Amino acid sequence: MYEKHWGLIEKPFENTPDPRFLYKSPSILEVYAKLLYALKSNRGAAMLTGESGCGKTLMARTLIQELNPDRMEVALITNPRRKPDELLREVLYQIGENELPEDHAQTVHRLNEILYENFSLGKETIVVIDEGQLLEEEEVFEEIRLMLNFQLNDAFLMTLLLVGQPLLAERVRDLPQLDERLSARSILKPLEKEEVGAYISHRMDIAGNPNPVFSPGAIELISQYSGGIPRRLNHICDTCLIIAYSRSATAIDEGLVHSLILNEEESHV
């Protein structure tokens, strides 16, 4: 709708997990490097947590994209609210098994076979469980822990990445046998005030416009109102682009952002 007006080839502030748009601030880059090392080094298990809207799913998808598809088999579980058997069968399906056993013992046996086959072929198996805060049953966590028992004397047959809101970390902490298996833990925090401008510029640049569109005053207000949470930032910036386009404006200033924030607050009353 507004892309041509702003010199863009696509919308810059979509709330979709497109790896191209991951902004790697120093703190985010540290988290990213730590988790990528865990995944590439066959470290057993790792966990990424953060408040809703902080970009956990985007980071997980970016990590997956960076893995070599010729050497990695990846299972991405985006809806983990399942019974233990269902979770195992979904992992099996994600790594290429079409004929899924109904019996639990057969499921475990087949999963172990595939993991070993992958290992023998020089391929690592990675299981990413997103929205991990939805995991509630202790039996499911126990099944996850038992998956980490698939190993040889000197190597894990799979690497697990748990991703979710802080509730996930609380639940794992209450399960010492699983908690102790984590080789890496990272927390994705909201952007700092001074990082918001660079975040906006990064996304605008990726979408096709490297020139400054948002004024310093506008960025200051956006930072305050969003709290540095990327999902909120994306919503505010996208709306600013739409409104400014409708007014035939060539830049987004503090006044426009201020009026937008007032309208947003009034709509929530």
C-alpha atoms as a PDB file:
ATOM      1  CA  MET A   1       0.000   0.000   0.000  1.00  0.00           C
ATOM      2  CA  TYR A   2       2.666   2.530   1.024  1.00  0.00           C
ATOM      3  CA  GLU A   3       5.828   0.857  -0.263  1.00  0.00           C
ATOM      4  CA  LYS A   4       6.253   2.974  -3.406  1.00  0.00           C
ATOM      5  CA  HIS A   5       5.728   6.208  -1.473  1.00  0.00           C
ATOM      6  CA  TRP A   6       8.588   5.379   0.908  1.00  0.00           C
ATOM      7  CA  GLY A   7      10.898   3.858  -1.702  1.00  0.00           C
ATOM      8  CA  LEU A   8      10.490   0.347  -0.309  1.00  0.00           C
ATOM      9  CA  ILE A   9      10.377  -3.006  -2.056  1.00  0.00           C
ATOM     10  CA  GLU A  10       8.482  -4.633   0.812  1.00  0.00           C
ATOM     11  CA  LYS A  11       6.955  -3.765   4.169  1.00  0.00           C
ATOM     12  CA  PRO A  12       9.686  -3.319   6.805  1.00  0.00           C
ATOM     13  CA  PHE A  13       7.732  -3.881   9.999  1.00  0.00           C
ATOM     14  CA  GLU A  14       5.809  -7.114   9.498  1.00  0.00           C
ATOM     15  CA  ASN A  15       5.565  -9.248  12.632  1.00  0.00           C
ATOM     16  CA  THR A  16       6.721 -12.369  10.814  1.00  0.00           C
ATOM     17  CA  PRO A  17       9.869 -14.402  11.615  1.00  0.00           C
ATOM     18  CA  ASP A  18      11.866 -13.415   8.516  1.00  0.00           C
ATOM     19  CA  PRO A  19      15.564 -13.980   9.361  1.00  0.00           C
ATOM     20  CA  ARG A  20      16.673 -11.101   7.143  1.00  0.00           C
ATOM     21  CA  PHE A  21      15.117  -8.638   9.572  1.00  0.00           C
ATOM     22  CA  LEU A  22      16.824  -9.853  12.757  1.00  0.00           C
ATOM     23  CA  TYR A  23      18.604  -6.825  14.207  1.00  0.00           C
ATOM     24  CA  LYS A  24      21.784  -7.957  15.936  1.00  0.00           C
ATOM     25  CA  SER A  25      22.564  -5.409  18.613  1.00  0.00           C
ATOM     26  CA  PRO A  26      25.632  -6.240  20.755  1.00  0.00           C
ATOM     27  CA  SER A  27      23.455  -7.910  23.403  1.00  0.00           C
ATOM     28  CA  ILE A  28      21.375  -9.819  20.830  1.00  0.00           C
ATOM     29  CA  LEU A  29      24.507 -10.880  18.978  1.00  0.00           C
ATOM     30  CA  GLU A  30      25.887 -12.310  22.223  1.00  0.00           C
ATOM     31  CA  VAL A  31      22.737 -14.384  22.760  1.00  0.00           C
ATOM     32  CA  TYR A  32      22.762 -15.458  19.124  1.00  0.00           C
ATOM     33  CA  ALA A  33      26.404 -16.541  19.173  1.00  0.00           C
ATOM     34  CA  LYS A  34      25.936 -18.488  22.399  1.00  0.00           C
ATOM     35  CA  LEU A  35      22.948 -20.447  21.073  1.00  0.00           C
ATOM     36  CA  LEU A  36      24.471 -21.024  17.646  1.00  0.00           C
ATOM     37  CA  TYR A  37      27.538 -22.514  19.306  1.00  0.00           C
ATOM     38  CA  ALA A  38      25.316 -24.815  21.368  1.00  0.00           C
ATOM     39  CA  LEU A  39      23.464 -26.000  18.260  1.00  0.00           C
ATOM     40  CA  LYS A  40      26.534 -26.475  16.078  1.00  0.00           C
ATOM     41  CA  SER A  41      28.631 -28.114  18.800  1.00  0.00           C
ATOM     42  CA  ASN A  42      26.147 -30.841  19.735  1.00  0.00           C
ATOM     43  CA  ARG A  43      25.847 -29.615  23.319  1.00  0.00           C
ATOM     44  CA  GLY A  44      22.715 -31.541  24.303  1.00  0.00           C
ATOM     45  CA  ALA A  45      20.202 -28.855  25.257  1.00  0.00           C
ATOM     46  CA  ALA A  46      19.854 -25.084  25.370  1.00  0.00           C
ATOM     47  CA  MET A  47      17.079 -22.657  26.295  1.00  0.00           C
ATOM     48  CA  LEU A  48      16.048 -19.204  25.075  1.00  0.00           C
ATOM     49  CA  THR A  49      13.506 -17.218  27.054  1.00  0.00           C
ATOM     50  CA  GLY A  50      12.103 -13.700  26.959  1.00  0.00           C
ATOM     51  CA  GLU A  51       8.925 -11.706  27.348  1.00  0.00           C
ATOM     52  CA  SER A  52       6.241 -11.900  24.672  1.00  0.00           C
ATOM     53  CA  GLY A  53       7.142  -9.899  21.564  1.00  0.00           C
ATOM     54  CA  CYS A  54      10.896  -9.749  22.148  1.00  0.00           C
ATOM     55  CA  GLY A  55      11.772 -11.717  19.008  1.00  0.00           C
ATOM     56  CA  LYS A  56      12.393 -15.256  20.273  1.00  0.00           C
ATOM     57  CA  THR A  57      10.713 -16.980  17.326  1.00  0.00           C
ATOM     58  CA  LEU A  58      12.579 -14.747  14.877  1.00  0.00           C
ATOM     59  CA  MET A  59      15.886 -15.624  16.515  1.00  0.00           C
ATOM     60  CA  ALA A  60      15.054 -19.347  16.504  1.00  0.00           C
ATOM     61  CA  ARG A  61      14.210 -19.255  12.784  1.00  0.00           C
ATOM     62  CA  THR A  62      17.403 -17.313  12.052  1.00  0.00           C
ATOM     63  CA  LEU A  63      19.471 -19.861  13.960  1.00  0.00           C
ATOM     64  CA  ILE A  64      17.864 -22.692  11.991  1.00  0.00           C
ATOM     65  CA  GLN A  65      18.548 -20.932   8.693  1.00  0.00           C
ATOM     66  CA  GLU A  66      22.231 -20.623   9.539  1.00  0.00           C
ATOM     67  CA  LEU A  67      22.598 -24.377  10.001  1.00  0.00           C
ATOM     68  CA  ASN A  68      23.931 -26.409   7.092  1.00  0.00           C
ATOM     69  CA  PRO A  69      20.939 -28.353   5.685  1.00  0.00           C
ATOM     70  CA  ASP A  70      23.284 -31.006   4.316  1.00  0.00           C
ATOM     71  CA  ARG A  71      24.582 -31.761   7.810  1.00  0.00           C
ATOM     72  CA  MET A  72      21.528 -30.989   9.940  1.00  0.00           C
ATOM     73  CA  GLU A  73      18.073 -32.523  10.267  1.00  0.00           C
ATOM     74  CA  VAL A  74      15.770 -30.073  12.050  1.00  0.00           C
ATOM     75  CA  ALA A  75      12.420 -30.635  13.746  1.00  0.00           C
ATOM     76  CA  LEU A  76      10.575 -27.389  14.537  1.00  0.00           C
ATOM     77  CA  ILE A  77       7.685 -27.808  16.967  1.00  0.00           C
ATOM     78  CA  THR A  78       5.584 -24.637  17.008  1.00  0.00           C
ATOM     79  CA  ASN A  79       2.642 -25.990  19.006  1.00  0.00           C
ATOM     80  CA  PRO A  80       4.016 -28.087  21.859  1.00  0.00           C
ATOM     81  CA  ARG A  81       0.779 -28.374  23.806  1.00  0.00           C
ATOM     82  CA  ARG A  82       0.605 -32.119  23.285  1.00  0.00           C
ATOM     83  CA  LYS A  83       0.603 -35.351  25.223  1.00  0.00           C
ATOM     84  CA  PRO A  84       3.993 -37.101  25.533  1.00  0.00           C
ATOM     85  CA  ASP A  85       3.301 -39.657  22.784  1.00  0.00           C
ATOM     86  CA  GLU A  86       2.008 -36.944  20.445  1.00  0.00           C
ATOM     87  CA  LEU A  87       5.138 -34.869  20.976  1.00  0.00           C
ATOM     88  CA  LEU A  88       7.422 -37.802  20.121  1.00  0.00           C
ATOM     89  CA  ARG A  89       5.423 -38.651  17.006  1.00  0.00           C
ATOM     90  CA  GLU A  90       5.548 -35.027  15.883  1.00  0.00           C
ATOM     91  CA  VAL A  91       9.336 -35.036  16.253  1.00  0.00           C
ATOM     92  CA  LEU A  92       9.456 -38.244  14.207  1.00  0.00           C
ATOM     93  CA  TYR A  93       7.271 -36.716  11.508  1.00  0.00           C
ATOM     94  CA  GLN A  94       9.333 -33.512  11.392  1.00  0.00           C
ATOM     95  CA  ILE A  95      12.547 -35.431  10.745  1.00  0.00           C
ATOM     96  CA  GLY A  96      11.046 -37.352   7.848  1.00  0.00           C
ATOM     97  CA  GLU A  97       9.153 -40.372   9.191  1.00  0.00           C
ATOM     98  CA  ASN A  98       5.792 -40.749   7.452  1.00  0.00           C
ATOM     99  CA  GLU A  99       4.611 -44.044   8.976  1.00  0.00           C
ATOM    100  CA  LEU A 100       4.197 -43.130  12.636  1.00  0.00           C
ATOM    101  CA  PRO A 101       3.902 -45.904  15.240  1.00  0.00           C
ATOM    102  CA  GLU A 102       0.967 -45.793  17.641  1.00  0.00           C
ATOM    103  CA  ASP A 103       2.732 -47.714  20.395  1.00  0.00           C
ATOM    104  CA  HIS A 104       4.939 -45.589  22.681  1.00  0.00           C
ATOM    105  CA  ALA A 105       7.753 -48.130  22.878  1.00  0.00           C
ATOM    106  CA  GLN A 106       7.823 -48.471  19.092  1.00  0.00           C
ATOM    107  CA  THR A 107       7.874 -44.674  18.740  1.00  0.00           C
ATOM    108  CA  VAL A 108      10.863 -44.380  21.055  1.00  0.00           C
ATOM    109  CA  HIS A 109      12.619 -47.248  19.289  1.00  0.00           C
ATOM    110  CA  ARG A 110      12.062 -45.758  15.830  1.00  0.00           C
ATOM    111  CA  LEU A 111      13.198 -42.311  16.966  1.00  0.00           C
ATOM    112  CA  ASN A 112      16.402 -43.810  18.339  1.00  0.00           C
ATOM    113  CA  GLU A 113      16.955 -45.630  15.026  1.00  0.00           C
ATOM    114  CA  ILE A 114      16.561 -42.445  12.964  1.00  0.00           C
ATOM    115  CA  LEU A 115      18.809 -40.451  15.275  1.00  0.00           C
ATOM    116  CA  TYR A 116      21.510 -43.083  14.966  1.00  0.00           C
ATOM    117  CA  GLU A 117      21.049 -43.298  11.184  1.00  0.00           C
ATOM    118  CA  ASN A 118      21.505 -39.533  10.923  1.00  0.00           C
ATOM    119  CA  PHE A 119      24.595 -39.687  13.115  1.00  0.00           C
ATOM    120  CA  SER A 120      26.058 -42.490  10.979  1.00  0.00           C
ATOM    121  CA  LEU A 121      25.536 -40.337   7.885  1.00  0.00           C
ATOM    122  CA  GLY A 122      27.365 -37.432   9.518  1.00  0.00           C
ATOM    123  CA  LYS A 123      24.147 -35.512  10.123  1.00  0.00           C
ATOM    124  CA  GLU A 124      23.115 -33.940  13.418  1.00  0.00           C
ATOM    125  CA  THR A 125      19.492 -33.854  14.555  1.00  0.00           C
ATOM    126  CA  ILE A 126      18.179 -30.678  16.152  1.00  0.00           C
ATOM    127  CA  VAL A 127      14.772 -30.353  17.817  1.00  0.00           C
ATOM    128  CA  VAL A 128      13.465 -26.818  18.391  1.00  0.00           C
ATOM    129  CA  ILE A 129      10.416 -26.466  20.619  1.00  0.00           C
ATOM    130  CA  ASP A 130       8.895 -22.973  20.327  1.00  0.00           C
ATOM    131  CA  GLU A 131       6.216 -21.528  22.609  1.00  0.00           C
ATOM    132  CA  GLY A 132       7.636 -23.735  25.344  1.00  0.00           C
ATOM    133  CA  GLN A 133       5.625 -21.940  28.045  1.00  0.00           C
ATOM    134  CA  LEU A 134       2.648 -23.959  26.763  1.00  0.00           C
ATOM    135  CA  LEU A 135       4.268 -27.135  28.064  1.00  0.00           C
ATOM    136  CA  GLU A 136       2.418 -27.930  31.288  1.00  0.00           C
ATOM    137  CA  GLU A 137       2.352 -31.633  32.025  1.00  0.00           C
ATOM    138  CA  GLU A 138       5.300 -32.956  33.982  1.00  0.00           C
ATOM    139  CA  GLU A 139       5.114 -36.132  31.880  1.00  0.00           C
ATOM    140  CA  VAL A 140       5.876 -34.080  28.756  1.00  0.00           C
ATOM    141  CA  PHE A 141       8.939 -32.528  30.378  1.00  0.00           C
ATOM    142  CA  GLU A 142      10.039 -35.992  31.437  1.00  0.00           C
ATOM    143  CA  GLU A 143       9.695 -37.214  27.840  1.00  0.00           C
ATOM    144  CA  ILE A 144      11.821 -34.272  26.702  1.00  0.00           C
ATOM    145  CA  ARG A 145      14.444 -35.163  29.289  1.00  0.00           C
ATOM    146  CA  LEU A 146      14.440 -38.772  28.171  1.00  0.00           C
ATOM    147  CA  MET A 147      14.993 -37.689  24.549  1.00  0.00           C
ATOM    148  CA  LEU A 148      18.337 -36.343  25.715  1.00  0.00           C
ATOM    149  CA  ASN A 149      19.265 -39.894  26.724  1.00  0.00           C
ATOM    150  CA  PHE A 150      19.631 -40.730  23.041  1.00  0.00           C
ATOM    151  CA  GLN A 151      23.418 -40.601  22.992  1.00  0.00           C
ATOM    152  CA  LEU A 152      26.590 -42.536  22.462  1.00  0.00           C
ATOM    153  CA  ASN A 153      29.461 -42.670  24.906  1.00  0.00           C
ATOM    154  CA  ASP A 154      30.989 -39.513  23.503  1.00  0.00           C
ATOM    155  CA  ALA A 155      28.177 -37.717  21.650  1.00  0.00           C
ATOM    156  CA  PHE A 156      24.536 -36.702  21.879  1.00  0.00           C
ATOM    157  CA  LEU A 157      22.382 -38.054  19.059  1.00  0.00           C
ATOM    158  CA  MET A 158      20.232 -34.919  19.149  1.00  0.00           C
ATOM    159  CA  THR A 159      20.389 -31.317  20.288  1.00  0.00           C
ATOM    160  CA  LEU A 160      17.349 -29.658  21.860  1.00  0.00           C
ATOM    161  CA  LEU A 161      16.506 -25.947  21.887  1.00  0.00           C
ATOM    162  CA  LEU A 162      13.649 -24.859  24.145  1.00  0.00           C
ATOM    163  CA  VAL A 163      12.175 -21.446  23.353  1.00  0.00           C
ATOM    164  CA  GLY A 164       9.509 -19.653  25.362  1.00  0.00           C
ATOM    165  CA  GLN A 165       8.371 -17.001  27.789  1.00  0.00           C
ATOM    166  CA  PRO A 166       9.801 -16.735  31.343  1.00  0.00           C
ATOM    167  CA  LEU A 167       7.253 -19.274  32.615  1.00  0.00           C
ATOM    168  CA  LEU A 168       9.185 -21.925  30.694  1.00  0.00           C
ATOM    169  CA  ALA A 169      12.362 -21.159  32.659  1.00  0.00           C
ATOM    170  CA  GLU A 170      10.414 -21.377  35.920  1.00  0.00           C
ATOM    171  CA  ARG A 171       9.016 -24.783  35.054  1.00  0.00           C
ATOM    172  CA  VAL A 172      12.376 -26.145  33.918  1.00  0.00           C
ATOM    173  CA  ARG A 173      13.985 -24.823  37.098  1.00  0.00           C
ATOM    174  CA  ASP A 174      11.532 -26.917  39.112  1.00  0.00           C
ATOM    175  CA  LEU A 175      12.726 -30.053  37.264  1.00  0.00           C
ATOM    176  CA  PRO A 176      16.391 -30.455  38.293  1.00  0.00           C
ATOM    177  CA  GLN A 177      16.961 -33.532  36.123  1.00  0.00           C
ATOM    178  CA  LEU A 178      16.090 -31.497  33.027  1.00  0.00           C
ATOM    179  CA  ASP A 179      17.496 -28.204  34.263  1.00  0.00           C
ATOM    180  CA  GLU A 180      20.917 -29.756  34.793  1.00  0.00           C
ATOM    181  CA  ARG A 181      20.982 -30.941  31.156  1.00  0.00           C
ATOM    182  CA  LEU A 182      20.968 -27.394  29.781  1.00  0.00           C
ATOM    183  CA  SER A 183      24.377 -26.412  28.440  1.00  0.00           C
ATOM    184  CA  ALA A 184      23.323 -22.862  27.530  1.00  0.00           C
ATOM    185  CA  ARG A 185      20.654 -20.459  28.798  1.00  0.00           C
ATOM    186  CA  SER A 186      19.945 -17.099  27.254  1.00  0.00           C
ATOM    187  CA  ILE A 187      17.416 -14.342  27.869  1.00  0.00           C
ATOM    188  CA  LEU A 188      16.244 -12.065  25.075  1.00  0.00           C
ATOM    189  CA  LYS A 189      15.504  -8.647  26.559  1.00  0.00           C
ATOM    190  CA  PRO A 190      13.764  -5.555  25.120  1.00  0.00           C
ATOM    191  CA  LEU A 191      15.949  -3.203  23.115  1.00  0.00           C
ATOM    192  CA  GLU A 192      17.751  -0.452  24.967  1.00  0.00           C
ATOM    193  CA  LYS A 193      16.671   3.120  24.295  1.00  0.00           C
ATOM    194  CA  GLU A 194      19.760   3.838  22.205  1.00  0.00           C
ATOM    195  CA  GLU A 195      19.212   0.697  20.084  1.00  0.00           C
ATOM    196  CA  VAL A 196      15.717   1.562  18.828  1.00  0.00           C
ATOM    197  CA  GLY A 197      16.895   3.968  16.131  1.00  0.00           C
ATOM    198  CA  ALA A 198      19.350   1.423  14.758  1.00  0.00           C
ATOM    199  CA  TYR A 199      16.615  -1.249  14.818  1.00  0.00           C
ATOM    200  CA  ILE A 200      14.276   0.963  12.773  1.00  0.00           C
ATOM    201  CA  SER A 201      17.045   1.895  10.323  1.00  0.00           C
ATOM    202  CA  HIS A 202      18.028  -1.766   9.908  1.00  0.00           C
ATOM    203  CA  ARG A 203      14.516  -2.850   8.973  1.00  0.00           C
ATOM    204  CA  MET A 204      13.974   0.109   6.646  1.00  0.00           C
ATOM    205  CA  ASP A 205      17.301  -0.637   4.942  1.00  0.00           C
ATOM    206  CA  ILE A 206      16.471  -4.337   4.440  1.00  0.00           C
ATOM    207  CA  ALA A 207      13.100  -3.321   2.977  1.00  0.00           C
ATOM    208  CA  GLY A 208      14.783  -1.035   0.435  1.00  0.00           C
ATOM    209  CA  ASN A 209      15.179   2.451   1.925  1.00  0.00           C
ATOM    210  CA  PRO A 210      18.513   3.229   3.646  1.00  0.00           C
ATOM    211  CA  ASN A 211      17.629   6.898   4.153  1.00  0.00           C
ATOM    212  CA  PRO A 212      16.393   8.306   7.490  1.00  0.00           C
ATOM    213  CA  VAL A 213      12.589   8.549   7.558  1.00  0.00           C
ATOM    214  CA  PHE A 214      11.917   8.788  11.304  1.00  0.00           C
ATOM    215  CA  SER A 215      13.168  11.938  13.053  1.00  0.00           C
ATOM    216  CA  PRO A 216      15.183  11.659  16.312  1.00  0.00           C
ATOM    217  CA  GLY A 217      12.197  13.004  18.242  1.00  0.00           C
ATOM    218  CA  ALA A 218       9.904  10.435  16.651  1.00  0.00           C
ATOM    219  CA  ILE A 219      12.316   7.624  17.516  1.00  0.00           C
ATOM    220  CA  GLU A 220      12.491   8.862  21.116  1.00  0.00           C
ATOM    221  CA  LEU A 221       8.710   8.696  21.495  1.00  0.00           C
ATOM    222  CA  ILE A 222       8.476   5.319  19.768  1.00  0.00           C
ATOM    223  CA  SER A 223      11.135   3.962  22.118  1.00  0.00           C
ATOM    224  CA  GLN A 224       9.297   5.207  25.202  1.00  0.00           C
ATOM    225  CA  TYR A 225       5.881   3.959  24.124  1.00  0.00           C
ATOM    226  CA  SER A 226       7.045   0.533  22.917  1.00  0.00           C
ATOM    227  CA  GLY A 227       9.293  -0.180  25.874  1.00  0.00           C
ATOM    228  CA  GLY A 228      11.833  -1.481  23.361  1.00  0.00           C
ATOM    229  CA  ILE A 229       9.732  -4.569  22.590  1.00  0.00           C
ATOM    230  CA  PRO A 230      10.147  -5.360  18.867  1.00  0.00           C
ATOM    231  CA  ARG A 231       6.561  -6.483  18.287  1.00  0.00           C
ATOM    232  CA  ARG A 232       5.264  -3.171  19.640  1.00  0.00           C
ATOM    233  CA  LEU A 233       7.925  -1.260  17.730  1.00  0.00           C
ATOM    234  CA  ASN A 234       6.840  -2.926  14.500  1.00  0.00           C
ATOM    235  CA  HIS A 235       3.188  -2.092  15.099  1.00  0.00           C
ATOM    236  CA  ILE A 236       3.871   1.578  15.867  1.00  0.00           C
ATOM    237  CA  CYS A 237       6.320   2.084  13.001  1.00  0.00           C
ATOM    238  CA  ASP A 238       4.047   0.383  10.475  1.00  0.00           C
ATOM    239  CA  THR A 239       1.115   2.550  11.537  1.00  0.00           C
ATOM    240  CA  CYS A 240       3.289   5.665  11.326  1.00  0.00           C
ATOM    241  CA  LEU A 241       4.226   4.802   7.743  1.00  0.00           C
ATOM    242  CA  ILE A 242       0.569   4.331   6.822  1.00  0.00           C
ATOM    243  CA  ILE A 243      -0.598   7.590   8.414  1.00  0.00           C
ATOM    244  CA  ALA A 244       2.274   9.636   7.008  1.00  0.00           C
ATOM    245  CA  TYR A 245       1.612   8.155   3.557  1.00  0.00           C
ATOM    246  CA  SER A 246      -2.069   9.079   3.782  1.00  0.00           C
ATOM    247  CA  ARG A 247      -0.990  12.684   4.531  1.00  0.00           C
ATOM    248  CA  SER A 248       1.570  12.664   1.680  1.00  0.00           C
ATOM    249  CA  ALA A 249       4.296  13.373   4.240  1.00  0.00           C
ATOM    250  CA  THR A 250       7.917  12.686   3.311  1.00  0.00           C
ATOM    251  CA  ALA A 251       9.120  12.071   6.868  1.00  0.00           C
ATOM    252  CA  ILE A 252       7.785  10.965  10.242  1.00  0.00           C
ATOM    253  CA  ASP A 253       8.198  13.535  12.974  1.00  0.00           C
ATOM    254  CA  GLU A 254       7.534  13.751  16.676  1.00  0.00           C
ATOM    255  CA  GLY A 255       4.102  15.353  16.217  1.00  0.00           C
ATOM    256  CA  LEU A 256       2.800  12.488  14.090  1.00  0.00           C
ATOM    257  CA  VAL A 257       4.027   9.865  16.546  1.00  0.00           C
ATOM    258  CA  HIS A 258       2.570  11.795  19.476  1.00  0.00           C
ATOM    259  CA  SER A 259      -0.890  11.937  17.859  1.00  0.00           C
ATOM    260  CA  LEU A 260      -0.671   8.231  17.019  1.00  0.00           C
ATOM    261  CA  ILE A 261       0.176   7.336  20.622  1.00  0.00           C
ATOM    262  CA  LEU A 262      -2.751   9.425  21.916  1.00  0.00           C
ATOM    263  CA  ASN A 263      -5.117   7.632  19.536  1.00  0.00           C
ATOM    264  CA  GLU A 264      -3.716   4.246  20.570  1.00  0.00           C
ATOM    265  CA  GLU A 265      -4.212   5.037  24.258  1.00  0.00           C
ATOM    266  CA  GLU A 266      -7.749   6.328  23.695  1.00  0.00           C
ATOM    267  CA  SER A 267      -8.683   3.172  21.806  1.00  0.00           C
ATOM    268  CA  HIS A 268      -7.666   1.072  24.825  1.00  0.00           C
ATOM    269  CA  VAL A 269      -9.774   3.040  27.310  1.00  0.00           C
END
